[in-house]
Amino acid sequence: MNNTRRNGDYLNQLELYKEIAQTLNRGFDLSVTLHEVLSQVLQITGFTSGWIFLENQEGKMELAADCRLPPALSEEDKASMCSEDCYCIERYKDGRLKTALNVVECKRLEEAIEKRKDTYGLTHHASVALRSGNEFFGILNIADAGELFFGKAELQQLEAIALQIGNTIKRILLTEHQRMDAIRQERIRLSSDLHDSVNQLLFSINLLAKSGQYMSDIPSLTDAMADIQMIAQKAQLEMKEIIWRLRKQGLEKDLVSHLEHYAGLLGIRMESEVKGRSALPFEVEHQLLRIGQEAINNVKKHAQTDVVKFSLLFTESEIKMEIKDSGCGFIVTEIAPAYSLGLENMGSRAGILNGECRIISQQGSGTAVSVTIPLKGSGNE
């Protein structure tokens, strides 16, 4: 082991430790902070490569940051780093990774070497848990070319750095939790204000317009009042949906109940079926929600029915959502421009997620909106 190369000048190391502390202290974006600090760790230690796994809400380990990964681990969009089949993760999950540990061999590197792929000469790595107090967040892995064993001083050095990183992770997560709580409180306040002000004004407009229809003998004025009442009623409905959405907490975790409630506001009965379960990323949940709302709204406006069938299917590679009615149907190629815009929006939202939205309809046979979204890591991206 080359201690001179590894340890470097003492004053330079102190300066780099100071930089690490400053990076961690000012960091508020977890991903950016971890990438930056990992680069600084390699600069201090002189090691070849490093990567960080973090435990997500479902208890699975995800690659959160990496620096100077060898080609064998970087190819195919770092596919080999997405697997949990690894010695260090096994030790982390069974509680053996409480202090910095010399891993005998890296399973990922071992498989790469067998396939004669370039690993920069890496065969082993040291692992240390990222924690704050009794809370564990993930793993810091450090590797060096030709290094089969890491000394006690090096492991203690990694432990000290990992503890700083763990404390920073906890701080960032707590800050994010406080920010989200403040947003929830503001949403509740805003929904109350809308209910007490705008919603009541719309209710008054609705009543006045209704009264105006009976007080006038002028047909054109009566028709105008009827139009005002219809618009006010529609605005009231939209306002109720907005107020409910603002008050709803954890909305992204309950797509089905939100769409059921939205359908109920429109006077539509939704029959739901869900097969398989999976936690959805917020963006996927958000886009599916908007597509579902547009589809249900189209049923209300055009289908001449008050029942829809909703299905949500989770597979290993994709999510399938379908909203189907048995209404009047239409010829897809002959739809009006205003209606076409809504269908295009649904397709655009699916496209944001690299997915597809298909509209299947025939006159007299109803309409089906079918959305397919590939899951991350399925190879369909």
Protein backbone atom coordinates (compact mmCIF):
# COMPACT_ATOMS: atom_id res chain seq x y z
CA MET A 1 0.00 0.00 0.00
CA ASN A 2 1.31 3.40 -0.93
CA ASN A 3 0.74 5.43 2.24
CA THR A 4 2.33 8.53 0.74
CA ARG A 5 -0.08 8.56 -2.18
CA ARG A 6 -3.01 7.63 0.05
CA ASN A 7 -2.38 10.05 2.89
CA GLY A 8 -0.80 12.96 1.03
CA ASP A 9 0.15 16.17 2.75
CA TYR A 10 -1.42 16.59 6.21
CA LEU A 11 -2.40 20.21 5.65
CA ASN A 12 -3.95 19.40 2.29
CA GLN A 13 -6.02 16.67 3.93
CA LEU A 14 -7.24 19.08 6.59
CA GLU A 15 -8.28 21.48 3.85
CA LEU A 16 -10.20 18.73 2.06
CA TYR A 17 -11.91 17.69 5.32
CA LYS A 18 -12.94 21.31 5.73
CA GLU A 19 -14.36 21.30 2.18
CA ILE A 20 -16.34 18.14 2.93
CA ALA A 21 -17.77 19.71 6.09
CA GLN A 22 -18.73 22.86 4.17
CA THR A 23 -20.34 20.85 1.36
CA LEU A 24 -22.40 18.84 3.83
CA ASN A 25 -23.31 21.89 5.90
CA ARG A 26 -24.68 23.91 2.97
CA GLY A 27 -26.33 20.99 1.15
CA PHE A 28 -30.12 20.94 0.77
CA ASP A 29 -30.45 18.89 -2.42
CA LEU A 30 -29.59 15.34 -1.35
CA SER A 31 -28.56 14.02 -4.77
CA VAL A 32 -26.32 16.98 -5.59
CA THR A 33 -24.74 16.96 -2.12
CA LEU A 34 -23.93 13.24 -2.20
CA HIS A 35 -22.32 13.43 -5.65
CA GLU A 36 -20.21 16.41 -4.63
CA VAL A 37 -19.07 14.98 -1.32
CA LEU A 38 -18.28 11.57 -2.83
CA SER A 39 -15.88 13.23 -5.26
CA GLN A 40 -14.21 15.00 -2.34
CA VAL A 41 -13.92 11.73 -0.39
CA LEU A 42 -12.04 10.12 -3.28
CA GLN A 43 -9.78 13.16 -3.44
CA ILE A 44 -8.92 12.81 0.25
CA THR A 45 -8.45 9.04 0.33
CA GLY A 46 -6.87 8.61 -3.09
CA PHE A 47 -9.14 5.66 -3.82
CA THR A 48 -10.13 4.86 -7.41
CA SER A 49 -13.89 4.67 -7.24
CA GLY A 50 -16.86 5.13 -4.91
CA TRP A 51 -20.64 4.81 -4.83
CA ILE A 52 -23.48 5.32 -2.39
CA PHE A 53 -26.65 3.28 -1.92
CA LEU A 54 -29.62 4.79 -0.07
CA GLU A 55 -32.60 2.92 1.33
CA ASN A 56 -35.89 4.11 -0.16
CA GLN A 57 -39.32 4.21 1.52
CA GLU A 58 -40.03 0.62 0.48
CA GLY A 59 -36.81 -0.59 2.11
CA LYS A 60 -35.01 -1.19 -1.19
CA MET A 61 -31.50 0.04 -1.89
CA GLU A 62 -31.03 2.49 -4.76
CA LEU A 63 -27.88 3.94 -6.28
CA ALA A 64 -27.87 7.54 -5.08
CA ALA A 65 -24.40 8.73 -6.12
CA ASP A 66 -21.27 7.44 -7.80
CA CYS A 67 -17.86 8.74 -8.82
CA ARG A 68 -15.41 7.27 -11.33
CA LEU A 69 -17.20 3.97 -11.77
CA PRO A 70 -15.31 1.55 -14.04
CA PRO A 71 -16.83 0.77 -17.48
CA ALA A 72 -17.99 -2.64 -16.26
CA LEU A 73 -20.30 -0.99 -13.69
CA SER A 74 -21.26 2.02 -15.85
CA GLU A 75 -22.47 0.24 -18.99
CA GLU A 76 -26.14 -0.17 -19.89
CA ASP A 77 -27.10 2.86 -17.79
CA LYS A 78 -25.44 1.32 -14.69
CA ALA A 79 -27.77 -1.69 -14.83
CA SER A 80 -25.52 -3.83 -12.62
CA MET A 81 -25.76 -1.21 -9.86
CA CYS A 82 -29.57 -1.51 -9.71
CA SER A 83 -29.55 -5.05 -8.35
CA GLU A 84 -29.72 -5.75 -4.61
CA ASP A 85 -27.84 -9.03 -5.07
CA CYS A 86 -24.68 -7.81 -3.38
CA TYR A 87 -22.60 -8.81 -0.33
CA CYS A 88 -22.53 -5.31 1.18
CA ILE A 89 -26.33 -4.91 0.91
CA GLU A 90 -26.80 -8.38 2.47
CA ARG A 91 -24.63 -7.33 5.42
CA TYR A 92 -26.45 -4.00 5.73
CA LYS A 93 -29.88 -5.62 5.83
CA ASP A 94 -28.99 -8.33 8.35
CA GLY A 95 -27.37 -5.79 10.70
CA ARG A 96 -23.74 -6.82 10.27
CA LEU A 97 -22.68 -3.55 8.64
CA LYS A 98 -22.53 -1.37 11.76
CA THR A 99 -18.90 -0.34 11.41
CA ALA A 100 -16.62 0.03 8.39
CA LEU A 101 -16.08 -3.39 6.86
CA ASN A 102 -13.55 -4.97 4.51
CA VAL A 103 -15.70 -6.83 2.00
CA VAL A 104 -13.92 -10.02 0.91
CA GLU A 105 -14.97 -9.58 -2.71
CA CYS A 106 -17.45 -7.41 -4.58
CA LYS A 107 -20.06 -9.59 -6.22
CA ARG A 108 -20.72 -7.03 -8.96
CA LEU A 109 -17.02 -6.74 -9.78
CA GLU A 110 -16.60 -10.50 -9.53
CA GLU A 111 -19.29 -11.07 -12.19
CA ALA A 112 -17.79 -8.35 -14.40
CA ILE A 113 -14.33 -9.92 -14.22
CA GLU A 114 -15.78 -13.31 -15.19
CA LYS A 115 -17.23 -11.65 -18.30
CA ARG A 116 -13.80 -10.06 -18.99
CA LYS A 117 -15.06 -6.52 -18.61
CA ASP A 118 -12.92 -3.53 -17.63
CA THR A 119 -13.09 -2.93 -13.86
CA TYR A 120 -10.07 -0.60 -13.61
CA GLY A 121 -8.42 -3.41 -11.65
CA LEU A 122 -10.99 -3.22 -8.84
CA THR A 123 -11.85 -6.50 -7.14
CA HIS A 124 -12.71 -5.56 -3.54
CA HIS A 125 -14.23 -2.59 -1.75
CA ALA A 126 -14.69 -1.28 1.77
CA SER A 127 -18.24 -0.61 3.00
CA VAL A 128 -19.50 1.60 5.79
CA ALA A 129 -23.08 2.29 6.84
CA LEU A 130 -24.44 5.81 6.59
CA ARG A 131 -26.23 6.53 9.84
CA SER A 132 -27.14 9.18 12.36
CA GLY A 133 -27.51 7.85 15.88
CA ASN A 134 -29.58 4.68 15.60
CA GLU A 135 -31.05 5.59 12.20
CA PHE A 136 -29.51 3.91 9.14
CA PHE A 137 -29.86 5.43 5.67
CA GLY A 138 -27.59 3.50 3.32
CA ILE A 139 -24.05 2.44 2.40
CA LEU A 140 -20.86 4.19 1.34
CA ASN A 141 -18.62 1.94 -0.79
CA ILE A 142 -15.00 2.79 -1.63
CA ALA A 143 -12.71 0.75 -3.90
CA ASP A 144 -9.09 0.99 -5.07
CA ALA A 145 -7.26 -0.74 -7.90
CA GLY A 146 -5.37 -3.81 -6.73
CA GLU A 147 -6.41 -3.28 -3.10
CA LEU A 148 -7.51 -6.48 -1.33
CA PHE A 149 -7.55 -5.18 2.22
CA PHE A 150 -8.06 -1.78 3.83
CA GLY A 151 -6.16 -0.79 6.95
CA LYS A 152 -7.66 0.13 10.30
CA ALA A 153 -6.76 3.80 9.91
CA GLU A 154 -8.41 3.94 6.51
CA LEU A 155 -11.59 2.31 7.82
CA GLN A 156 -11.73 4.72 10.77
CA GLN A 157 -11.30 7.58 8.32
CA LEU A 158 -14.24 6.29 6.28
CA GLU A 159 -16.36 5.86 9.42
CA ALA A 160 -15.79 9.49 10.41
CA ILE A 161 -16.74 10.73 6.95
CA ALA A 162 -19.76 8.40 6.76
CA LEU A 163 -21.03 9.68 10.11
CA GLN A 164 -20.92 13.26 8.79
CA ILE A 165 -22.77 12.19 5.65
CA GLY A 166 -25.37 10.32 7.72
CA ASN A 167 -26.02 13.37 9.89
CA THR A 168 -26.42 15.50 6.77
CA ILE A 169 -28.87 13.04 5.22
CA LYS A 170 -30.99 13.20 8.38
CA ARG A 171 -30.89 17.00 8.38
CA ILE A 172 -31.95 17.22 4.72
CA LEU A 173 -34.77 14.69 5.23
CA LEU A 174 -36.02 16.57 8.30
CA THR A 175 -35.89 19.87 6.40
CA GLU A 176 -37.86 18.34 3.52
CA HIS A 177 -40.41 16.93 5.96
CA GLN A 178 -40.88 20.37 7.53
CA ARG A 179 -41.20 21.95 4.08
CA MET A 180 -43.87 19.45 3.03
CA ASP A 181 -45.72 19.95 6.30
CA ALA A 182 -45.74 23.71 5.71
CA ILE A 183 -47.09 23.12 2.19
CA ARG A 184 -49.86 20.90 3.57
CA GLN A 185 -50.84 23.53 6.10
CA GLU A 186 -50.91 26.21 3.39
CA ARG A 187 -53.06 23.99 1.19
CA ILE A 188 -55.56 23.52 4.02
CA ARG A 189 -55.64 27.27 4.63
CA LEU A 190 -56.10 28.00 0.93
CA SER A 191 -58.91 25.45 0.58
CA SER A 192 -60.74 27.06 3.51
CA ASP A 193 -60.36 30.51 1.96
CA LEU A 194 -61.68 29.28 -1.40
CA HIS A 195 -64.62 27.59 0.28
CA ASP A 196 -65.53 30.67 2.30
CA SER A 197 -65.08 33.23 -0.50
CA VAL A 198 -65.06 32.09 -4.13
CA ASN A 199 -67.33 29.08 -3.63
CA GLN A 200 -69.93 31.19 -1.84
CA LEU A 201 -69.84 33.83 -4.59
CA LEU A 202 -70.44 31.17 -7.23
CA PHE A 203 -73.35 29.84 -5.18
CA SER A 204 -74.85 33.35 -5.10
CA ILE A 205 -74.43 33.78 -8.87
CA ASN A 206 -76.16 30.46 -9.40
CA LEU A 207 -79.16 31.51 -7.29
CA LEU A 208 -79.44 34.95 -8.91
CA ALA A 209 -79.30 33.48 -12.40
CA LYS A 210 -81.96 30.94 -11.52
CA SER A 211 -84.20 33.69 -10.13
CA GLY A 212 -83.58 35.83 -13.21
CA GLN A 213 -85.01 33.15 -15.48
CA TYR A 214 -88.40 33.40 -13.80
CA MET A 215 -88.44 37.21 -13.51
CA SER A 216 -88.01 38.01 -17.20
CA ASP A 217 -90.39 37.58 -20.12
CA ILE A 218 -87.68 38.33 -22.69
CA PRO A 219 -86.57 35.00 -24.25
CA SER A 220 -83.03 36.19 -25.03
CA LEU A 221 -82.54 37.37 -21.44
CA THR A 222 -83.99 34.14 -20.05
CA ASP A 223 -81.58 32.13 -22.22
CA ALA A 224 -78.66 34.27 -21.06
CA MET A 225 -79.61 33.68 -17.41
CA ALA A 226 -79.81 29.94 -18.07
CA ASP A 227 -76.32 30.03 -19.59
CA ILE A 228 -74.99 31.97 -16.59
CA GLN A 229 -76.53 29.43 -14.22
CA MET A 230 -75.01 26.52 -16.16
CA ILE A 231 -71.56 28.15 -16.12
CA ALA A 232 -71.85 28.95 -12.40
CA GLN A 233 -72.83 25.34 -11.63
CA LYS A 234 -69.89 24.02 -13.62
CA ALA A 235 -67.53 26.46 -11.86
CA GLN A 236 -68.93 25.34 -8.49
CA LEU A 237 -68.23 21.74 -9.39
CA GLU A 238 -64.66 22.55 -10.43
CA MET A 239 -64.18 24.59 -7.26
CA LYS A 240 -65.37 21.69 -5.08
CA GLU A 241 -62.89 19.39 -6.80
CA ILE A 242 -60.04 21.89 -6.29
CA ILE A 243 -60.93 22.38 -2.62
CA TRP A 244 -61.06 18.62 -2.05
CA ARG A 245 -57.73 18.15 -3.83
CA LEU A 246 -56.09 20.86 -1.72
CA ARG A 247 -57.33 19.27 1.49
CA LYS A 248 -56.37 15.76 0.45
CA GLN A 249 -53.04 14.78 2.01
CA GLY A 250 -50.87 12.03 0.55
CA LEU A 251 -52.83 12.35 -2.72
CA GLU A 252 -50.08 10.75 -4.78
CA LYS A 253 -50.51 7.54 -2.78
CA ASP A 254 -54.21 7.12 -3.53
CA LEU A 255 -54.95 7.48 -7.23
CA VAL A 256 -58.06 5.28 -7.18
CA SER A 257 -59.86 7.02 -4.31
CA HIS A 258 -59.18 10.43 -5.84
CA LEU A 259 -60.63 9.42 -9.21
CA GLU A 260 -63.62 7.83 -7.47
CA HIS A 261 -64.24 11.07 -5.61
CA TYR A 262 -63.80 13.14 -8.77
CA ALA A 263 -66.25 10.92 -10.65
CA GLY A 264 -68.73 11.27 -7.76
CA LEU A 265 -68.53 15.06 -8.00
CA LEU A 266 -69.55 14.76 -11.66
CA GLY A 267 -72.38 12.36 -10.88
CA ILE A 268 -70.49 9.40 -12.36
CA ARG A 269 -70.34 6.02 -10.61
CA MET A 270 -66.91 4.45 -10.99
CA GLU A 271 -66.45 0.69 -10.66
CA SER A 272 -62.81 0.03 -9.77
CA GLU A 273 -60.51 -2.97 -10.06
CA VAL A 274 -56.84 -3.01 -9.03
CA LYS A 275 -54.52 -5.95 -9.67
CA GLY A 276 -51.09 -6.01 -8.10
CA ARG A 277 -49.67 -3.34 -5.82
CA SER A 278 -46.75 -1.00 -6.17
CA ALA A 279 -45.73 2.40 -4.84
CA LEU A 280 -45.78 4.90 -7.69
CA PRO A 281 -43.41 7.84 -8.12
CA PHE A 282 -45.16 11.17 -7.71
CA GLU A 283 -44.79 12.16 -11.38
CA VAL A 284 -46.34 8.88 -12.59
CA GLU A 285 -49.20 9.23 -10.11
CA HIS A 286 -49.74 12.87 -11.09
CA GLN A 287 -49.91 12.23 -14.83
CA LEU A 288 -52.21 9.19 -14.45
CA LEU A 289 -54.48 11.29 -12.23
CA ARG A 290 -54.77 14.03 -14.85
CA ILE A 291 -55.39 11.54 -17.66
CA GLY A 292 -58.06 9.83 -15.55
CA GLN A 293 -59.77 13.13 -14.75
CA GLU A 294 -59.85 14.10 -18.44
CA ALA A 295 -61.30 10.71 -19.40
CA ILE A 296 -64.02 10.87 -16.72
CA ASN A 297 -64.83 14.46 -17.66
CA ASN A 298 -65.29 13.37 -21.29
CA VAL A 299 -67.70 10.65 -20.14
CA LYS A 300 -69.76 13.27 -18.33
CA LYS A 301 -69.82 15.60 -21.35
CA HIS A 302 -70.22 13.20 -24.25
CA ALA A 303 -70.87 9.54 -23.39
CA GLN A 304 -74.52 9.80 -22.29
CA THR A 305 -73.92 7.39 -19.41
CA ASP A 306 -73.24 7.76 -15.68
CA VAL A 307 -71.10 4.65 -15.14
CA VAL A 308 -67.42 4.00 -15.91
CA LYS A 309 -65.25 0.96 -15.29
CA PHE A 310 -61.75 1.70 -14.02
CA SER A 311 -58.91 -0.83 -13.93
CA LEU A 312 -55.31 -0.52 -12.76
CA LEU A 313 -52.85 -3.35 -13.38
CA PHE A 314 -49.29 -3.54 -12.04
CA THR A 315 -46.82 -5.94 -13.68
CA GLU A 316 -43.05 -6.24 -13.31
CA SER A 317 -42.44 -4.10 -16.39
CA GLU A 318 -45.38 -1.68 -16.67
CA ILE A 319 -48.54 -0.09 -15.32
CA LYS A 320 -51.78 -0.31 -17.26
CA MET A 321 -54.72 1.98 -16.55
CA GLU A 322 -58.04 1.79 -18.39
CA ILE A 323 -61.20 3.86 -18.10
CA LYS A 324 -64.08 2.37 -20.06
CA ASP A 325 -67.72 3.32 -20.56
CA SER A 326 -70.68 1.75 -22.35
CA GLY A 327 -72.00 5.04 -23.70
CA CYS A 328 -72.77 6.30 -27.18
CA GLY A 329 -69.18 6.15 -28.45
CA PHE A 330 -67.83 8.09 -31.43
CA ILE A 331 -65.70 7.80 -34.55
CA VAL A 332 -62.19 8.71 -33.40
CA THR A 333 -61.19 10.20 -36.77
CA GLU A 334 -64.24 12.50 -36.86
CA ILE A 335 -64.10 14.18 -33.46
CA ALA A 336 -64.56 17.92 -32.98
CA PRO A 337 -61.40 20.07 -32.49
CA ALA A 338 -62.36 20.96 -28.87
CA TYR A 339 -62.70 17.30 -27.98
CA SER A 340 -59.51 16.42 -29.90
CA LEU A 341 -57.46 18.78 -27.71
CA GLY A 342 -58.39 16.84 -24.58
CA LEU A 343 -57.38 13.54 -26.20
CA GLU A 344 -54.08 15.06 -27.34
CA ASN A 345 -53.40 16.24 -23.78
CA MET A 346 -53.89 12.71 -22.48
CA GLY A 347 -51.46 11.39 -25.08
CA SER A 348 -48.92 14.10 -24.21
CA ARG A 349 -49.11 13.26 -20.49
CA ALA A 350 -48.49 9.58 -21.21
CA GLY A 351 -45.60 10.55 -23.49
CA ILE A 352 -43.92 12.46 -20.65
CA LEU A 353 -43.57 9.07 -18.92
CA ASN A 354 -42.42 7.30 -22.13
CA GLY A 355 -45.84 5.67 -22.21
CA GLU A 356 -48.77 5.38 -24.59
CA CYS A 357 -52.42 6.45 -24.43
CA ARG A 358 -54.86 4.73 -26.82
CA ILE A 359 -58.46 5.76 -27.46
CA ILE A 360 -60.70 2.93 -28.63
CA SER A 361 -64.29 3.82 -29.52
CA GLN A 362 -67.17 2.89 -31.81
CA GLN A 363 -70.54 4.54 -32.19
CA GLY A 364 -73.04 2.77 -29.97
CA SER A 365 -70.36 0.63 -28.29
CA GLY A 366 -68.74 2.97 -25.78
CA THR A 367 -65.21 4.24 -25.36
CA ALA A 368 -62.05 2.94 -23.67
CA VAL A 369 -59.05 5.07 -22.70
CA SER A 370 -56.08 2.72 -22.26
CA VAL A 371 -52.79 3.98 -20.82
CA THR A 372 -49.56 1.94 -20.60
CA ILE A 373 -46.56 3.29 -18.65
CA PRO A 374 -43.22 1.41 -18.52
CA LEU A 375 -41.65 1.04 -15.10
CA LYS A 376 -38.14 2.32 -14.47
CA GLY A 377 -35.54 -0.39 -14.81
CA SER A 378 -37.79 -2.62 -16.94
CA GLY A 379 -35.73 -2.02 -20.07
CA ASN A 380 -38.59 -0.21 -21.76
CA GLU A 381 -37.38 3.32 -21.16
